């Protein structure tokens, strides 16, 4: 608090004598008292503000130079034995060591919008913007958020014109770049700053591991990712995809996902310089070195789905040779159609649709016999030799794309496309990064480990709190209205026979522990109408079913929050 002991007035200049500890007190006085559109400056032990000859940024041609006589001049004197001889005020207790001279009379309008916009940002408003940046908002988003906040205040019309409360864009962008440099270091050499932040991440339970040798790779595993590694689905099938240009250095992000009843969740995220086999191998090895049993206690997943990237496939084969690699059917068919449409295929336009239909027929053949019939039909085509050669080349790896092979050998939970990965990459680019590039790899780690992790947790909690509808489950039940639940036959503890909804003489085997049915929809471990009927009337928990009861919702909450923070089961 400023206590004025002496006050003198002469020729519009008010002179005050008071006590101040240091220059911070003087700055505080300037902020509270000064309503000028100028900044203050410090030279030695003198702090000035206003249009005096000593004030800075006052060139003759400046728009800010109104040649105004108003000023604030603060002089903090050093209290010594010699200075007390020449100043009576310094002999008092406490010594009045500060001289404040004020001319409050302006020759211009200080309340106009043009004058108000030139005010420097208020320290409290600056703190608000820094909090926005820490929460992941961009400068434009932060400005919009601040304007929305100001509109809730009384007299907001004047506040919106005030540069102290509503800073101009260049002020916010300068503050933003300063925030980036202080928190994330240089965008050219970011790893030194990342090494400094690794202990802080570890205190939050976030594992950040990096290899700076070319090509550099960074592994990010959050507590949520660690919990996802222990899910049964993590050993069954992993979805993988990469996206580039995620920061200014054009870094790539690769996600390894497992499916849950609340959508896909990463078990680990890789940030790397290049999308090469060497970079992928280094990243996969880094994951295995730090989390050797990250696939529900196994050292490798049974299945990994990719979109036919040769670099990814080569690295998977090198690190996890026992894993079955399968392709996203959508990307596989898309690549074939693009080839047919290209001039290099030498396929006549009139034949393209017919050949594509044959190719799709081969991909979607339900069993080995149907698949072999289509293969023979293609090989007996007249002409179109380039198409037949390409098909026979793909035939060598038919286990990666053939539905007949999947129906008879794999549990994919009816995941034939990489939709989980595609949706996850879209969330990263559009929601987390807001369609912009991160400042550098340090900022990218921050986005992934903090903001993206919170997004995944909130989505899982939506399902745990029963805020998402279960239309798919209800639709499956409506298909079985004609079936009497009493006609279901239990063979043993986990095996049941469920009658067909169309043919009463026909029944399907259902294994509840695996989540499998002998019908076409359930052959690959998908949740079918026969399993839905069992779940509804026998209250059986299936590993592949939607979230329908409190037990499953509690498990999702445990995944999202962990044991320590999760509410008790009755809450759900």
Protein backbone atom coordinates (compact mmCIF):
# COMPACT_ATOMS: atom_id res chain seq x y z
CA UNK A 1 0.00 0.00 0.00
CA UNK A 2 1.31 3.46 -0.91
CA UNK A 3 1.28 5.90 2.04
CA UNK A 4 1.86 9.52 1.01
CA UNK A 5 3.54 11.55 3.72
CA UNK A 6 4.10 14.82 1.86
CA UNK A 7 2.19 16.35 -1.04
CA UNK A 8 3.25 19.52 -2.86
CA UNK A 9 1.62 21.15 -5.89
CA UNK A 10 3.13 23.62 -8.34
CA UNK A 11 2.17 24.52 -11.96
CA UNK A 12 -0.01 21.46 -12.58
CA UNK A 13 2.75 19.18 -11.23
CA UNK A 14 1.96 17.18 -8.10
CA UNK A 15 5.00 16.14 -6.06
CA UNK A 16 4.73 13.28 -3.55
CA UNK A 17 7.26 12.03 -1.03
CA UNK A 18 6.80 8.47 0.15
CA UNK A 19 8.66 5.23 0.87
CA UNK A 20 9.23 2.45 -1.69
CA UNK A 21 11.32 -0.68 -1.27
CA UNK A 22 12.44 -1.08 -4.87
CA UNK A 23 11.55 -0.58 -8.52
CA UNK A 24 8.83 -3.23 -8.32
CA UNK A 25 6.89 -0.94 -5.99
CA UNK A 26 7.32 1.85 -8.52
CA UNK A 27 6.06 -0.34 -11.35
CA UNK A 28 3.06 -1.35 -9.25
CA UNK A 29 2.29 2.32 -8.65
CA UNK A 30 2.52 3.03 -12.38
CA UNK A 31 0.11 0.19 -13.20
CA UNK A 32 -2.46 1.29 -10.63
CA UNK A 33 -2.25 5.03 -11.11
CA UNK A 34 -1.12 5.57 -14.68
CA UNK A 35 -3.89 5.59 -17.29
CA UNK A 36 -1.60 6.74 -20.09
CA UNK A 37 -1.07 5.24 -23.50
CA UNK A 38 2.73 5.27 -22.98
CA UNK A 39 5.15 2.82 -21.36
CA UNK A 40 7.49 3.52 -18.48
CA UNK A 41 11.24 3.02 -18.54
CA UNK A 42 14.05 2.64 -16.03
CA UNK A 43 17.44 4.29 -16.10
CA UNK A 44 19.62 3.87 -13.04
CA UNK A 45 17.34 4.37 -10.09
CA UNK A 46 14.84 6.54 -12.00
CA UNK A 47 11.57 5.30 -13.45
CA UNK A 48 9.68 7.57 -15.87
CA UNK A 49 6.42 7.48 -17.71
CA UNK A 50 4.87 10.06 -19.99
CA UNK A 51 5.93 12.54 -22.60
CA UNK A 52 9.06 13.91 -20.90
CA UNK A 53 12.31 14.20 -22.82
CA UNK A 54 13.58 11.07 -21.06
CA UNK A 55 10.75 8.71 -22.14
CA UNK A 56 11.48 6.11 -24.84
CA UNK A 57 9.71 5.21 -28.11
CA UNK A 58 8.97 8.89 -28.70
CA UNK A 59 10.26 9.63 -32.17
CA UNK A 60 8.87 12.75 -33.75
CA UNK A 61 6.93 10.90 -36.47
CA UNK A 62 5.39 8.33 -34.11
CA UNK A 63 1.60 8.17 -33.99
CA UNK A 64 1.92 7.69 -30.25
CA UNK A 65 3.70 11.04 -29.83
CA UNK A 66 0.92 13.49 -28.97
CA UNK A 67 3.41 16.05 -27.54
CA UNK A 68 1.53 15.75 -24.29
CA UNK A 69 2.86 17.42 -21.12
CA UNK A 70 1.43 14.76 -18.81
CA UNK A 71 3.98 12.53 -17.11
CA UNK A 72 4.85 10.44 -14.10
CA UNK A 73 8.42 10.62 -12.79
CA UNK A 74 9.51 8.36 -9.93
CA UNK A 75 12.92 8.71 -8.33
CA UNK A 76 13.99 6.25 -5.63
CA UNK A 77 16.92 7.70 -3.72
CA UNK A 78 19.64 5.65 -2.10
CA UNK A 79 19.67 6.20 1.66
CA UNK A 80 23.22 6.84 2.84
CA UNK A 81 24.88 9.03 5.45
CA UNK A 82 25.82 11.53 2.77
CA UNK A 83 22.40 11.68 1.09
CA UNK A 84 20.69 12.35 4.42
CA UNK A 85 22.66 15.60 4.79
CA UNK A 86 21.07 17.06 1.63
CA UNK A 87 17.52 15.70 2.03
CA UNK A 88 15.49 16.20 5.19
CA UNK A 89 12.95 13.56 4.13
CA UNK A 90 15.58 10.82 4.28
CA UNK A 91 16.11 11.49 7.99
CA UNK A 92 12.57 10.37 8.87
CA UNK A 93 11.60 6.91 10.06
CA UNK A 94 10.94 5.31 7.70
CA UNK A 95 12.94 7.48 5.27
CA UNK A 96 10.81 8.99 2.49
CA UNK A 97 13.23 7.86 -0.20
CA UNK A 98 10.89 8.22 -3.19
CA UNK A 99 10.04 11.36 -5.13
CA UNK A 100 6.96 11.08 -7.35
CA UNK A 101 6.14 13.90 -9.73
CA UNK A 102 2.86 13.78 -11.62
CA UNK A 103 1.30 16.01 -14.22
CA UNK A 104 -2.16 14.45 -14.74
CA UNK A 105 -3.38 16.96 -17.32
CA UNK A 106 -3.38 15.60 -20.87
CA UNK A 107 -3.63 17.56 -24.08
CA UNK A 108 -5.46 14.69 -25.78
CA UNK A 109 -8.37 12.31 -25.11
CA UNK A 110 -7.18 9.34 -23.02
CA UNK A 111 -10.56 7.60 -23.09
CA UNK A 112 -10.93 7.21 -26.84
CA UNK A 113 -10.82 3.78 -28.46
CA UNK A 114 -7.62 4.72 -30.31
CA UNK A 115 -5.89 5.68 -27.05
CA UNK A 116 -7.18 2.63 -25.14
CA UNK A 117 -5.97 0.16 -27.76
CA UNK A 118 -2.38 1.32 -27.17
CA UNK A 119 -2.38 0.29 -23.50
CA UNK A 120 0.06 -2.47 -22.66
CA UNK A 121 -1.30 -5.85 -21.65
CA UNK A 122 -2.34 -6.11 -18.02
CA UNK A 123 -0.26 -8.65 -16.00
CA UNK A 124 -3.41 -10.52 -14.92
CA UNK A 125 -4.61 -10.73 -18.53
CA UNK A 126 -1.14 -11.92 -19.53
CA UNK A 127 -1.43 -14.73 -16.98
CA UNK A 128 -4.82 -15.68 -18.43
CA UNK A 129 -3.33 -15.97 -21.92
CA UNK A 130 -0.40 -18.03 -20.67
CA UNK A 131 -2.94 -20.38 -19.07
CA UNK A 132 -4.76 -20.63 -22.41
CA UNK A 133 -1.49 -21.54 -24.13
CA UNK A 134 -0.73 -24.16 -21.47
CA UNK A 135 -4.16 -25.70 -22.12
CA UNK A 136 -3.25 -26.10 -25.79
CA UNK A 137 -5.08 -23.13 -27.31
CA UNK A 138 -3.55 -21.40 -30.31
CA UNK A 139 -3.21 -17.57 -30.35
CA UNK A 140 -6.38 -17.15 -32.42
CA UNK A 141 -8.33 -19.49 -30.12
CA UNK A 142 -6.99 -17.72 -27.04
CA UNK A 143 -8.10 -14.32 -28.42
CA UNK A 144 -11.59 -15.65 -29.14
CA UNK A 145 -11.77 -17.16 -25.65
CA UNK A 146 -10.67 -13.88 -24.07
CA UNK A 147 -13.26 -11.88 -26.04
CA UNK A 148 -15.96 -14.33 -24.94
CA UNK A 149 -14.82 -13.83 -21.33
CA UNK A 150 -14.89 -10.03 -21.65
CA UNK A 151 -18.43 -10.10 -23.05
CA UNK A 152 -19.68 -11.50 -19.75
CA UNK A 153 -18.37 -8.45 -17.86
CA UNK A 154 -20.29 -5.19 -17.29
CA UNK A 155 -19.37 -2.34 -19.65
CA UNK A 156 -17.83 -4.91 -22.02
CA UNK A 157 -18.14 -2.49 -24.98
CA UNK A 158 -15.36 -0.28 -23.57
CA UNK A 159 -13.38 -3.31 -22.35
CA UNK A 160 -13.18 -4.71 -25.89
CA UNK A 161 -11.43 -1.49 -27.00
CA UNK A 162 -8.96 -1.61 -24.10
CA UNK A 163 -5.55 -2.98 -25.12
CA UNK A 164 -4.78 -3.89 -21.51
CA UNK A 165 -7.81 -6.21 -21.33
CA UNK A 166 -8.16 -7.13 -25.02
CA UNK A 167 -4.62 -7.03 -26.44
CA UNK A 168 -3.99 -6.58 -30.13
CA UNK A 169 -3.06 -9.68 -32.21
CA UNK A 170 0.62 -8.80 -32.57
CA UNK A 171 0.88 -8.62 -28.77
CA UNK A 172 -0.63 -12.09 -28.38
CA UNK A 173 1.53 -13.62 -31.11
CA UNK A 174 4.66 -12.11 -29.55
CA UNK A 175 3.59 -13.53 -26.17
CA UNK A 176 2.89 -16.88 -27.87
CA UNK A 177 6.36 -17.10 -29.45
CA UNK A 178 7.97 -16.14 -26.17
CA UNK A 179 5.94 -18.86 -24.42
CA UNK A 180 7.04 -21.43 -27.02
CA UNK A 181 10.71 -20.58 -26.69
CA UNK A 182 10.61 -20.68 -22.89
CA UNK A 183 8.71 -23.98 -22.72
CA UNK A 184 9.81 -25.87 -25.82
CA UNK A 185 13.23 -24.43 -26.69
CA UNK A 186 14.44 -23.88 -30.24
CA UNK A 187 12.56 -25.54 -33.10
CA UNK A 188 15.91 -26.30 -34.75
CA UNK A 189 17.54 -28.01 -31.74
CA UNK A 190 14.66 -29.22 -29.52
CA UNK A 191 16.18 -32.32 -27.92
CA UNK A 192 18.11 -30.48 -25.22
CA UNK A 193 14.86 -28.98 -23.94
CA UNK A 194 13.09 -32.35 -24.23
CA UNK A 195 15.77 -33.99 -22.08
CA UNK A 196 15.17 -31.33 -19.42
CA UNK A 197 11.42 -32.06 -19.40
CA UNK A 198 11.69 -35.88 -19.25
CA UNK A 199 11.97 -35.99 -15.39
CA UNK A 200 8.85 -33.79 -15.13
CA UNK A 201 6.97 -36.15 -17.44
CA UNK A 202 8.13 -39.12 -15.39
CA UNK A 203 6.74 -37.53 -12.23
CA UNK A 204 3.35 -37.50 -13.99
CA UNK A 205 3.74 -41.17 -14.95
CA UNK A 206 4.46 -40.32 -18.62
CA UNK A 207 7.33 -42.24 -20.22
CA UNK A 208 9.22 -40.27 -22.89
CA UNK A 209 12.18 -42.11 -24.42
CA UNK A 210 14.25 -40.73 -27.28
CA UNK A 211 17.09 -41.71 -29.57
CA UNK A 212 18.77 -38.66 -31.11
CA UNK A 213 20.86 -40.57 -33.65
CA UNK A 214 19.73 -40.19 -37.24
CA UNK A 215 16.90 -40.95 -37.90
CA UNK A 216 15.77 -39.72 -34.48
CA UNK A 217 12.79 -41.36 -32.75
CA UNK A 218 10.79 -40.42 -29.65
CA UNK A 219 8.48 -42.86 -27.82
CA UNK A 220 5.59 -41.54 -25.70
CA UNK A 221 3.64 -43.83 -23.35
CA UNK A 222 1.14 -42.31 -20.89
CA UNK A 223 -0.48 -44.05 -17.88
CA UNK A 224 -3.61 -44.58 -20.02
CA UNK A 225 -1.48 -46.24 -22.71
CA UNK A 226 0.10 -48.51 -20.09
CA UNK A 227 -3.33 -49.60 -18.87
CA UNK A 228 -4.42 -50.24 -22.47
CA UNK A 229 -1.41 -52.53 -22.93
CA UNK A 230 -2.96 -54.91 -20.38
CA UNK A 231 -6.24 -55.34 -22.28
CA UNK A 232 -7.02 -58.66 -23.94
CA UNK A 233 -7.54 -56.91 -27.27
CA UNK A 234 -3.93 -55.70 -27.16
CA UNK A 235 -2.76 -59.25 -27.79
CA UNK A 236 -5.42 -60.00 -30.44
CA UNK A 237 -5.08 -57.19 -32.98
CA UNK A 238 -3.15 -53.90 -33.22
CA UNK A 239 -4.05 -51.14 -35.66
CA UNK A 240 -1.18 -49.04 -36.95
CA UNK A 241 -0.94 -45.93 -39.10
CA UNK A 242 1.37 -42.96 -39.63
CA UNK A 243 0.90 -39.32 -40.54
CA UNK A 244 3.54 -36.77 -41.53
CA UNK A 245 4.03 -32.98 -41.26
CA UNK A 246 3.01 -32.83 -37.60
CA UNK A 247 5.47 -30.10 -36.64
CA UNK A 248 7.68 -27.47 -38.28
CA UNK A 249 10.42 -30.07 -38.88
CA UNK A 250 7.88 -32.25 -40.78
CA UNK A 251 8.06 -35.01 -38.14
CA UNK A 252 5.85 -38.08 -38.50
CA UNK A 253 3.61 -39.63 -35.83
CA UNK A 254 2.88 -43.37 -35.72
CA UNK A 255 0.12 -44.71 -33.47
CA UNK A 256 -0.27 -48.30 -32.29
CA UNK A 257 -3.88 -48.78 -31.24
CA UNK A 258 -5.95 -51.37 -29.47
CA UNK A 259 -9.73 -51.55 -29.67
CA UNK A 260 -11.83 -51.03 -26.53
CA UNK A 261 -15.56 -50.86 -25.93
CA UNK A 262 -15.17 -47.09 -25.92
CA UNK A 263 -13.20 -46.78 -29.15
CA UNK A 264 -9.52 -47.20 -29.99
CA UNK A 265 -6.82 -46.25 -27.46
CA UNK A 266 -3.06 -46.04 -28.18
CA UNK A 267 -0.70 -48.44 -26.43
CA UNK A 268 2.18 -46.21 -27.52
CA UNK A 269 2.93 -43.30 -29.86
CA UNK A 270 6.10 -42.85 -31.92
CA UNK A 271 7.39 -39.51 -33.20
CA UNK A 272 10.11 -39.89 -35.80
CA UNK A 273 11.99 -38.01 -38.47
CA UNK A 274 11.28 -40.24 -41.47
CA UNK A 275 8.81 -42.92 -42.53
CA UNK A 276 11.53 -45.46 -43.31
CA UNK A 277 11.99 -49.08 -42.28
CA UNK A 278 15.02 -48.05 -40.17
CA UNK A 279 12.98 -45.44 -38.26
CA UNK A 280 10.09 -47.87 -37.66
CA UNK A 281 12.45 -50.63 -36.51
CA UNK A 282 14.15 -48.26 -34.09
CA UNK A 283 10.77 -47.14 -32.71
CA UNK A 284 9.37 -50.68 -32.35
CA UNK A 285 12.57 -51.85 -30.66
CA UNK A 286 12.37 -48.86 -28.30
CA UNK A 287 8.83 -49.91 -27.36
CA UNK A 288 9.89 -53.51 -26.72
CA UNK A 289 12.96 -52.50 -24.71
CA UNK A 290 10.91 -50.34 -22.36
CA UNK A 291 7.63 -52.31 -22.39
CA UNK A 292 8.54 -55.90 -23.34
CA UNK A 293 5.10 -57.31 -22.41
CA UNK A 294 3.00 -54.51 -23.85
CA UNK A 295 0.62 -56.87 -25.68
CA UNK A 296 -1.35 -58.13 -22.67
CA UNK A 297 1.65 -60.02 -21.31
CA UNK A 298 2.91 -61.16 -24.72
CA UNK A 299 6.03 -59.99 -26.58
CA UNK A 300 4.18 -59.68 -29.89
CA UNK A 301 0.59 -59.15 -31.08
CA UNK A 302 -1.18 -61.95 -32.94
CA UNK A 303 -2.33 -59.58 -35.72
CA UNK A 304 -1.27 -56.13 -36.93
CA UNK A 305 -3.34 -54.27 -39.53
CA UNK A 306 -1.62 -51.70 -41.76
CA UNK A 307 -2.41 -49.89 -45.02
CA UNK A 308 0.26 -51.68 -47.11
CA UNK A 309 3.23 -49.44 -46.31
CA UNK A 310 6.31 -51.43 -47.28
CA UNK A 311 8.46 -49.66 -44.66
CA UNK A 312 5.99 -50.52 -41.88
CA UNK A 313 5.60 -54.12 -43.05
CA UNK A 314 9.36 -54.68 -43.26
CA UNK A 315 9.91 -53.29 -39.75
CA UNK A 316 7.07 -55.42 -38.31
CA UNK A 317 8.55 -58.53 -39.89
CA UNK A 318 11.95 -57.68 -38.41
CA UNK A 319 10.79 -56.95 -34.83
CA UNK A 320 7.72 -59.22 -34.57
CA UNK A 321 8.23 -62.08 -37.08
CA UNK A 322 5.54 -64.23 -35.41
CA UNK A 323 2.83 -61.60 -35.97
CA UNK A 324 0.28 -62.10 -38.75
CA UNK A 325 0.14 -59.01 -40.94
CA UNK A 326 -3.15 -58.13 -42.61
CA UNK A 327 -4.14 -55.22 -44.84
CA UNK A 328 -6.92 -52.70 -44.63
CA UNK A 329 -9.42 -53.90 -47.27
CA UNK A 330 -10.44 -50.35 -48.14
CA UNK A 331 -6.89 -49.21 -48.92
CA UNK A 332 -6.12 -52.44 -50.76
CA UNK A 333 -9.16 -52.10 -53.05
CA UNK A 334 -8.51 -48.37 -53.49
CA UNK A 335 -4.95 -49.06 -54.64
CA UNK A 336 -6.25 -51.61 -57.18
CA UNK A 337 -8.84 -49.20 -58.59
CA UNK A 338 -6.24 -46.45 -58.93
CA UNK A 339 -4.00 -48.84 -60.82
CA UNK A 340 -6.85 -49.83 -63.14
CA UNK A 341 -7.62 -46.17 -63.82
CA UNK A 342 -3.99 -45.28 -64.58
CA UNK A 343 -2.67 -45.24 -68.13
CA UNK A 344 0.24 -47.47 -67.13
CA UNK A 345 -2.14 -50.40 -66.51
CA UNK A 346 -2.92 -50.70 -70.27
CA UNK A 347 -6.51 -51.65 -69.35
CA UNK A 348 -9.24 -50.43 -71.67
CA UNK A 349 -11.78 -48.14 -69.94
CA UNK A 350 -14.63 -50.44 -70.98
CA UNK A 351 -13.05 -53.35 -69.03
CA UNK A 352 -12.14 -51.54 -65.81
CA UNK A 353 -15.40 -51.96 -63.88
CA UNK A 354 -15.71 -55.62 -64.82
CA UNK A 355 -12.16 -56.37 -63.69
CA UNK A 356 -12.68 -54.45 -60.45
CA UNK A 357 -15.80 -56.47 -59.71
CA UNK A 358 -13.82 -59.69 -60.20
CA UNK A 359 -11.10 -58.42 -57.91
CA UNK A 360 -13.64 -57.51 -55.21
CA UNK A 361 -15.22 -60.93 -55.63
CA UNK A 362 -11.85 -62.54 -54.88
CA UNK A 363 -11.28 -60.33 -51.83
CA UNK A 364 -14.73 -60.97 -50.32
CA UNK A 365 -15.00 -64.72 -51.11
CA UNK A 366 -16.50 -66.36 -48.00
CA UNK A 367 -14.57 -69.62 -48.11
CA UNK A 368 -11.58 -71.25 -49.80
CA UNK A 369 -13.68 -72.95 -52.48
CA UNK A 370 -15.33 -69.71 -53.59
CA UNK A 371 -11.96 -67.98 -53.53
CA UNK A 372 -10.40 -70.64 -55.75
CA UNK A 373 -13.28 -70.39 -58.23
CA UNK A 374 -12.67 -66.65 -58.62
CA UNK A 375 -8.93 -67.21 -59.05
CA UNK A 376 -9.61 -69.67 -61.86
CA UNK A 377 -12.09 -67.27 -63.47
CA UNK A 378 -9.53 -64.46 -63.49
CA UNK A 379 -6.77 -66.66 -64.90
CA UNK A 380 -9.02 -67.78 -67.76
CA UNK A 381 -9.84 -64.25 -68.85
CA UNK A 382 -9.08 -63.40 -72.46
CA UNK A 383 -6.57 -60.56 -72.76
CA UNK A 384 -5.95 -58.14 -69.87
CA UNK A 385 -2.62 -59.82 -69.21
CA UNK A 386 -1.32 -56.98 -67.04
CA UNK A 387 -4.32 -57.37 -64.71
CA UNK A 388 -3.76 -61.13 -64.43
CA UNK A 389 -0.05 -60.66 -63.74
CA UNK A 390 -0.77 -58.12 -61.02
CA UNK A 391 -3.46 -60.36 -59.48
CA UNK A 392 -1.16 -63.39 -59.40
CA UNK A 393 1.53 -61.25 -57.76
CA UNK A 394 -0.97 -60.24 -55.06
CA UNK A 395 -2.04 -63.88 -54.80
CA UNK A 396 1.34 -64.71 -53.24
CA UNK A 397 0.28 -62.73 -50.15
CA UNK A 398 -3.43 -63.56 -50.21
CA UNK A 399 -3.37 -64.24 -46.46
CA UNK A 400 -3.03 -60.49 -45.94
CA UNK A 401 -6.21 -59.53 -47.80
CA UNK A 402 -8.37 -62.60 -48.39
CA UNK A 403 -11.62 -62.69 -46.39
CA UNK A 404 -11.81 -66.46 -46.84
CA UNK A 405 -8.52 -66.84 -44.97
CA UNK A 406 -9.66 -64.50 -42.21
CA UNK A 407 -12.99 -66.32 -41.81
CA UNK A 408 -11.23 -69.63 -41.26
CA UNK A 409 -8.11 -68.63 -39.32
CA UNK A 410 -8.22 -65.21 -37.62
CA UNK A 411 -10.05 -63.38 -34.85
CA UNK A 412 -10.25 -59.79 -36.16
CA UNK A 413 -13.50 -58.80 -34.34
CA UNK A 414 -14.85 -58.00 -37.83
CA UNK A 415 -12.31 -55.23 -38.29
CA UNK A 416 -11.61 -55.43 -42.02
CA UNK A 417 -10.53 -51.81 -42.44
CA UNK A 418 -8.16 -49.51 -40.58
CA UNK A 419 -10.98 -47.17 -39.54
CA UNK A 420 -9.72 -46.95 -35.96
CA UNK A 421 -6.36 -45.63 -37.20
CA UNK A 422 -7.89 -43.28 -39.75
CA UNK A 423 -10.25 -41.79 -37.16
CA UNK A 424 -7.43 -41.46 -34.63
CA UNK A 425 -5.18 -39.64 -37.09
CA UNK A 426 -8.05 -37.31 -37.96
CA UNK A 427 -8.59 -36.55 -34.25
CA UNK A 428 -4.88 -35.80 -33.87
CA UNK A 429 -4.75 -33.47 -36.88
CA UNK A 430 -8.12 -31.72 -36.56
CA UNK A 431 -8.90 -31.66 -32.82
CA UNK A 432 -5.57 -31.91 -31.02
CA UNK A 433 -3.36 -29.95 -33.45
CA UNK A 434 -6.25 -27.87 -34.87
CA UNK A 435 -5.00 -28.41 -38.44
CA UNK A 436 -1.75 -26.60 -37.60
CA UNK A 437 1.82 -27.81 -37.15
CA UNK A 438 3.29 -28.05 -33.67
CA UNK A 439 6.17 -25.68 -32.87
CA UNK A 440 8.70 -28.54 -32.55
CA UNK A 441 8.99 -32.11 -31.30
CA UNK A 442 8.85 -30.92 -27.65
CA UNK A 443 5.50 -29.23 -28.28
CA UNK A 444 4.33 -32.34 -30.15
CA UNK A 445 5.18 -34.53 -27.15
CA UNK A 446 3.19 -32.09 -24.98
CA UNK A 447 0.15 -32.28 -27.27
CA UNK A 448 0.26 -36.08 -27.37
CA UNK A 449 1.01 -36.78 -23.70
CA UNK A 450 -1.31 -34.18 -22.15
CA UNK A 451 -4.04 -32.92 -24.48
CA UNK A 452 -4.58 -36.04 -26.58
CA UNK A 453 -4.47 -38.22 -23.45
CA UNK A 454 -7.20 -36.09 -21.84
CA UNK A 455 -9.29 -36.36 -24.99
CA UNK A 456 -9.09 -40.18 -24.91
CA UNK A 457 -9.95 -40.25 -21.20
CA UNK A 458 -12.99 -38.02 -21.70
CA UNK A 459 -14.25 -40.18 -24.55
CA UNK A 460 -13.92 -43.35 -22.47
CA UNK A 461 -15.74 -41.65 -19.59
CA UNK A 462 -18.61 -40.78 -21.94
CA UNK A 463 -19.20 -44.51 -22.36
CA UNK A 464 -18.53 -45.25 -18.67
CA UNK A 465 -21.11 -42.64 -17.62
CA UNK A 466 -23.67 -44.12 -20.04
CA UNK A 467 -23.81 -40.95 -22.15
CA UNK A 468 -23.63 -42.80 -25.48
CA UNK A 469 -26.55 -44.70 -26.94
CA UNK A 470 -26.33 -48.40 -27.83
CA UNK A 471 -28.34 -48.50 -31.04
CA UNK A 472 -26.23 -51.31 -32.53
CA UNK A 473 -26.98 -53.58 -29.60
CA UNK A 474 -30.69 -52.80 -29.74
CA UNK A 475 -30.71 -53.39 -33.49
CA UNK A 476 -29.17 -56.83 -33.04
CA UNK A 477 -31.87 -57.72 -30.50
CA UNK A 478 -34.70 -56.66 -32.82
CA UNK A 479 -33.43 -59.21 -35.38
CA UNK A 480 -33.97 -62.00 -32.83
CA UNK A 481 -37.55 -61.15 -31.81
CA UNK A 482 -38.86 -64.33 -33.41
CA UNK A 483 -36.55 -66.58 -31.36
CA UNK A 484 -37.75 -67.99 -28.04
CA UNK A 485 -34.94 -67.57 -25.44
CA UNK A 486 -36.01 -70.86 -23.86
CA UNK A 487 -34.95 -72.67 -27.04
CA UNK A 488 -31.28 -71.79 -26.41
CA UNK A 489 -29.31 -74.93 -25.51
CA UNK A 490 -26.32 -74.79 -23.16
CA UNK A 491 -23.63 -77.36 -24.08
CA UNK A 492 -21.09 -76.52 -21.37
CA UNK A 493 -20.00 -73.56 -19.26
CA UNK A 494 -18.98 -71.42 -22.23
CA UNK A 495 -20.64 -73.05 -25.26
CA UNK A 496 -24.27 -72.50 -26.34
CA UNK A 497 -26.45 -73.38 -29.32
CA UNK A 498 -28.66 -70.50 -30.44
CA UNK A 499 -31.48 -71.08 -32.99
CA UNK A 500 -31.47 -69.16 -36.25
CA UNK A 501 -33.96 -66.31 -36.57
CA UNK A 502 -34.79 -67.37 -40.15
CA UNK A 503 -34.67 -71.17 -40.01
CA UNK A 504 -35.88 -72.80 -36.79
CA UNK A 505 -34.19 -76.09 -37.75
CA UNK A 506 -30.79 -74.43 -37.87
CA UNK A 507 -28.68 -73.32 -34.91
CA UNK A 508 -25.32 -71.65 -34.36
CA UNK A 509 -22.57 -72.39 -31.86
CA UNK A 510 -21.60 -69.49 -29.59
CA UNK A 511 -18.44 -69.44 -27.45
CA UNK A 512 -18.88 -66.83 -24.73
CA UNK A 513 -15.29 -66.79 -23.43
CA UNK A 514 -13.80 -66.06 -26.88
CA UNK A 515 -16.70 -64.00 -28.19
CA UNK A 516 -17.22 -66.16 -31.26
CA UNK A 517 -20.20 -67.49 -33.24
CA UNK A 518 -20.35 -69.97 -36.11
CA UNK A 519 -22.52 -67.58 -38.15
CA UNK A 520 -20.85 -65.49 -40.84
CA UNK A 521 -20.96 -62.28 -38.78
CA UNK A 522 -19.38 -63.94 -35.75
CA UNK A 523 -16.77 -66.13 -37.43
CA UNK A 524 -14.02 -63.54 -36.97
CA UNK A 525 -15.04 -62.70 -33.41
CA UNK A 526 -17.55 -59.98 -34.26
CA UNK A 527 -20.56 -59.32 -32.03
CA UNK A 528 -23.60 -60.85 -33.76
CA UNK A 529 -27.31 -61.07 -33.04
CA UNK A 530 -26.98 -64.58 -31.53
CA UNK A 531 -24.50 -63.30 -28.94
CA UNK A 532 -26.77 -60.30 -28.29
CA UNK A 533 -29.65 -62.65 -27.44
CA UNK A 534 -27.47 -64.60 -24.99
CA UNK A 535 -26.26 -61.40 -23.36
CA UNK A 536 -29.79 -60.05 -22.98
CA UNK A 537 -31.43 -63.10 -21.39
CA UNK A 538 -28.49 -64.84 -19.68
CA UNK A 539 -26.56 -61.70 -18.60
CA UNK A 540 -23.34 -63.09 -20.06
CA UNK A 541 -20.37 -60.75 -20.48
CA UNK A 542 -18.80 -60.94 -23.93
CA UNK A 543 -15.32 -59.55 -24.72
CA UNK A 544 -16.64 -58.04 -27.98
CA UNK A 545 -20.03 -56.68 -26.86
CA UNK A 546 -21.03 -53.00 -26.55
CA UNK A 547 -21.15 -51.41 -23.09
CA UNK A 548 -24.56 -52.27 -21.65
CA UNK A 549 -24.20 -52.83 -17.89
CA UNK A 550 -22.54 -51.30 -14.82
CA UNK A 551 -19.76 -53.89 -14.70
CA UNK A 552 -18.57 -53.02 -18.21
CA UNK A 553 -18.91 -49.30 -17.53
CA UNK A 554 -16.82 -49.67 -14.38
CA UNK A 555 -14.08 -51.45 -16.35
CA UNK A 556 -14.00 -48.60 -18.87
CA UNK A 557 -13.69 -46.08 -16.05
CA UNK A 558 -10.81 -48.11 -14.58
CA UNK A 559 -9.11 -47.97 -17.97
CA UNK A 560 -9.64 -44.22 -18.22
CA UNK A 561 -8.81 -43.18 -14.66
CA UNK A 562 -6.85 -45.99 -13.04
CA UNK A 563 -7.63 -47.70 -9.74
CA UNK A 564 -6.69 -44.69 -7.58
CA UNK A 565 -9.05 -42.15 -9.18
CA UNK A 566 -11.89 -44.41 -10.35
CA UNK A 567 -15.20 -44.13 -8.44
CA UNK A 568 -16.53 -47.34 -6.82
CA UNK A 569 -18.58 -49.76 -8.90
CA UNK A 570 -22.01 -48.72 -7.47
CA UNK A 571 -21.46 -45.26 -8.98
CA UNK A 572 -21.96 -46.81 -12.42
